[in-house]
Amino acid sequence: MSGLIGRIEDYDTEADSSDDLKDLLIAGIFIVLVNIVVVWVHKSRAKKSNNSEIQDEVNSAVAQYFALRGDEA
């Protein structure tokens, strides 16, 4: 207990198992929520990126079609 500063009476040395369980549950729920948010943000950014890539490919294909078509119309 040399790491503690002050009197031993100033510290709560009685560990209650229900407090430990409550702390673990809160930490677990927090970690799960953070993971859900990270996955949601990643999916939304990936969707925007994929939509942008698809739109660029479609525009390129249409431009190539009209360039190959020439004056036939």
C-alpha atoms as a PDB file:
ATOM      1  CA  MET A   1       0.000   0.000   0.000  1.00  0.00           C
ATOM      2  CA  SER A   2       2.966   2.297  -0.446  1.00  0.00           C
ATOM      3  CA  GLY A   3       1.341   3.775  -3.587  1.00  0.00           C
ATOM      4  CA  LEU A   4      -1.457   5.345  -1.566  1.00  0.00           C
ATOM      5  CA  ILE A   5      -1.041   8.853  -0.252  1.00  0.00           C
ATOM      6  CA  GLY A   6      -2.614   9.702   3.099  1.00  0.00           C
ATOM      7  CA  ARG A   7      -4.189   7.568   5.755  1.00  0.00           C
ATOM      8  CA  ILE A   8      -5.572   4.109   5.031  1.00  0.00           C
ATOM      9  CA  GLU A   9      -8.896   5.244   6.507  1.00  0.00           C
ATOM     10  CA  ASP A  10      -9.290   7.717   3.608  1.00  0.00           C
ATOM     11  CA  TYR A  11      -9.621   4.876   1.095  1.00  0.00           C
ATOM     12  CA  ASP A  12     -12.461   2.452   0.552  1.00  0.00           C
ATOM     13  CA  THR A  13     -10.682  -0.876   0.781  1.00  0.00           C
ATOM     14  CA  GLU A  14     -13.869  -2.921   1.047  1.00  0.00           C
ATOM     15  CA  ALA A  15     -14.569  -4.246  -2.454  1.00  0.00           C
ATOM     16  CA  ASP A  16     -18.201  -5.093  -3.042  1.00  0.00           C
ATOM     17  CA  SER A  17     -18.791  -7.743  -5.710  1.00  0.00           C
ATOM     18  CA  SER A  18     -22.027  -6.087  -6.857  1.00  0.00           C
ATOM     19  CA  ASP A  19     -20.085  -2.882  -7.557  1.00  0.00           C
ATOM     20  CA  ASP A  20     -17.542  -4.856  -9.586  1.00  0.00           C
ATOM     21  CA  LEU A  21     -20.300  -6.531 -11.597  1.00  0.00           C
ATOM     22  CA  LYS A  22     -22.033  -3.211 -12.186  1.00  0.00           C
ATOM     23  CA  ASP A  23     -18.767  -1.630 -13.351  1.00  0.00           C
ATOM     24  CA  LEU A  24     -18.096  -4.548 -15.710  1.00  0.00           C
ATOM     25  CA  LEU A  25     -21.605  -4.360 -17.159  1.00  0.00           C
ATOM     26  CA  ILE A  26     -21.319  -0.617 -17.735  1.00  0.00           C
ATOM     27  CA  ALA A  27     -17.907  -1.040 -19.371  1.00  0.00           C
ATOM     28  CA  GLY A  28     -19.199  -3.872 -21.562  1.00  0.00           C
ATOM     29  CA  ILE A  29     -22.252  -1.911 -22.686  1.00  0.00           C
ATOM     30  CA  PHE A  30     -20.061   1.112 -23.408  1.00  0.00           C
ATOM     31  CA  ILE A  31     -17.671  -0.960 -25.538  1.00  0.00           C
ATOM     32  CA  VAL A  32     -20.562  -2.529 -27.474  1.00  0.00           C
ATOM     33  CA  LEU A  33     -22.117   0.895 -28.135  1.00  0.00           C
ATOM     34  CA  VAL A  34     -18.791   2.333 -29.305  1.00  0.00           C
ATOM     35  CA  ASN A  35     -18.359  -0.618 -31.676  1.00  0.00           C
ATOM     36  CA  ILE A  36     -21.876  -0.155 -33.057  1.00  0.00           C
ATOM     37  CA  VAL A  37     -21.194   3.531 -33.728  1.00  0.00           C
ATOM     38  CA  VAL A  38     -17.865   2.762 -35.423  1.00  0.00           C
ATOM     39  CA  VAL A  39     -19.460   0.124 -37.682  1.00  0.00           C
ATOM     40  CA  TRP A  40     -22.361   2.457 -38.543  1.00  0.00           C
ATOM     41  CA  VAL A  41     -20.011   5.319 -39.460  1.00  0.00           C
ATOM     42  CA  HIS A  42     -17.841   2.981 -41.539  1.00  0.00           C
ATOM     43  CA  LYS A  43     -20.842   1.584 -43.422  1.00  0.00           C
ATOM     44  CA  SER A  44     -22.260   5.029 -44.169  1.00  0.00           C
ATOM     45  CA  ARG A  45     -18.914   6.316 -45.485  1.00  0.00           C
ATOM     46  CA  ALA A  46     -18.352   3.166 -47.540  1.00  0.00           C
ATOM     47  CA  LYS A  47     -21.827   3.494 -49.050  1.00  0.00           C
ATOM     48  CA  LYS A  48     -21.148   7.096 -50.085  1.00  0.00           C
ATOM     49  CA  SER A  49     -17.800   6.083 -51.561  1.00  0.00           C
ATOM     50  CA  ASN A  50     -19.321   3.161 -53.484  1.00  0.00           C
ATOM     51  CA  ASN A  51     -22.143   5.326 -54.834  1.00  0.00           C
ATOM     52  CA  SER A  52     -19.622   7.899 -55.995  1.00  0.00           C
ATOM     53  CA  GLU A  53     -17.490   5.242 -57.724  1.00  0.00           C
ATOM     54  CA  ILE A  54     -20.516   3.719 -59.443  1.00  0.00           C
ATOM     55  CA  GLN A  55     -21.673   7.142 -60.637  1.00  0.00           C
ATOM     56  CA  ASP A  56     -18.203   7.881 -62.042  1.00  0.00           C
ATOM     57  CA  GLU A  57     -18.154   4.550 -63.888  1.00  0.00           C
ATOM     58  CA  VAL A  58     -21.625   5.128 -65.340  1.00  0.00           C
ATOM     59  CA  ASN A  59     -20.681   8.629 -66.492  1.00  0.00           C
ATOM     60  CA  SER A  60     -17.521   7.275 -68.098  1.00  0.00           C
ATOM     61  CA  ALA A  61     -19.423   4.508 -69.886  1.00  0.00           C
ATOM     62  CA  VAL A  62     -22.056   6.942 -71.186  1.00  0.00           C
ATOM     63  CA  ALA A  63     -19.387   9.337 -72.415  1.00  0.00           C
ATOM     64  CA  GLN A  64     -17.583   6.453 -74.133  1.00  0.00           C
ATOM     65  CA  TYR A  65     -20.844   5.306 -75.741  1.00  0.00           C
ATOM     66  CA  PHE A  66     -21.569   8.744 -77.179  1.00  0.00           C
ATOM     67  CA  ALA A  67     -17.959   9.095 -78.359  1.00  0.00           C
ATOM     68  CA  LEU A  68     -18.129   5.759 -80.195  1.00  0.00           C
ATOM     69  CA  ARG A  69     -21.578   6.464 -81.578  1.00  0.00           C
ATOM     70  CA  GLY A  70     -20.380   9.594 -83.309  1.00  0.00           C
ATOM     71  CA  ASP A  71     -22.705  11.234 -85.849  1.00  0.00           C
ATOM     72  CA  GLU A  72     -24.955   8.253 -86.497  1.00  0.00           C
ATOM     73  CA  ALA A  73     -27.988   9.834 -84.864  1.00  0.00           C
END
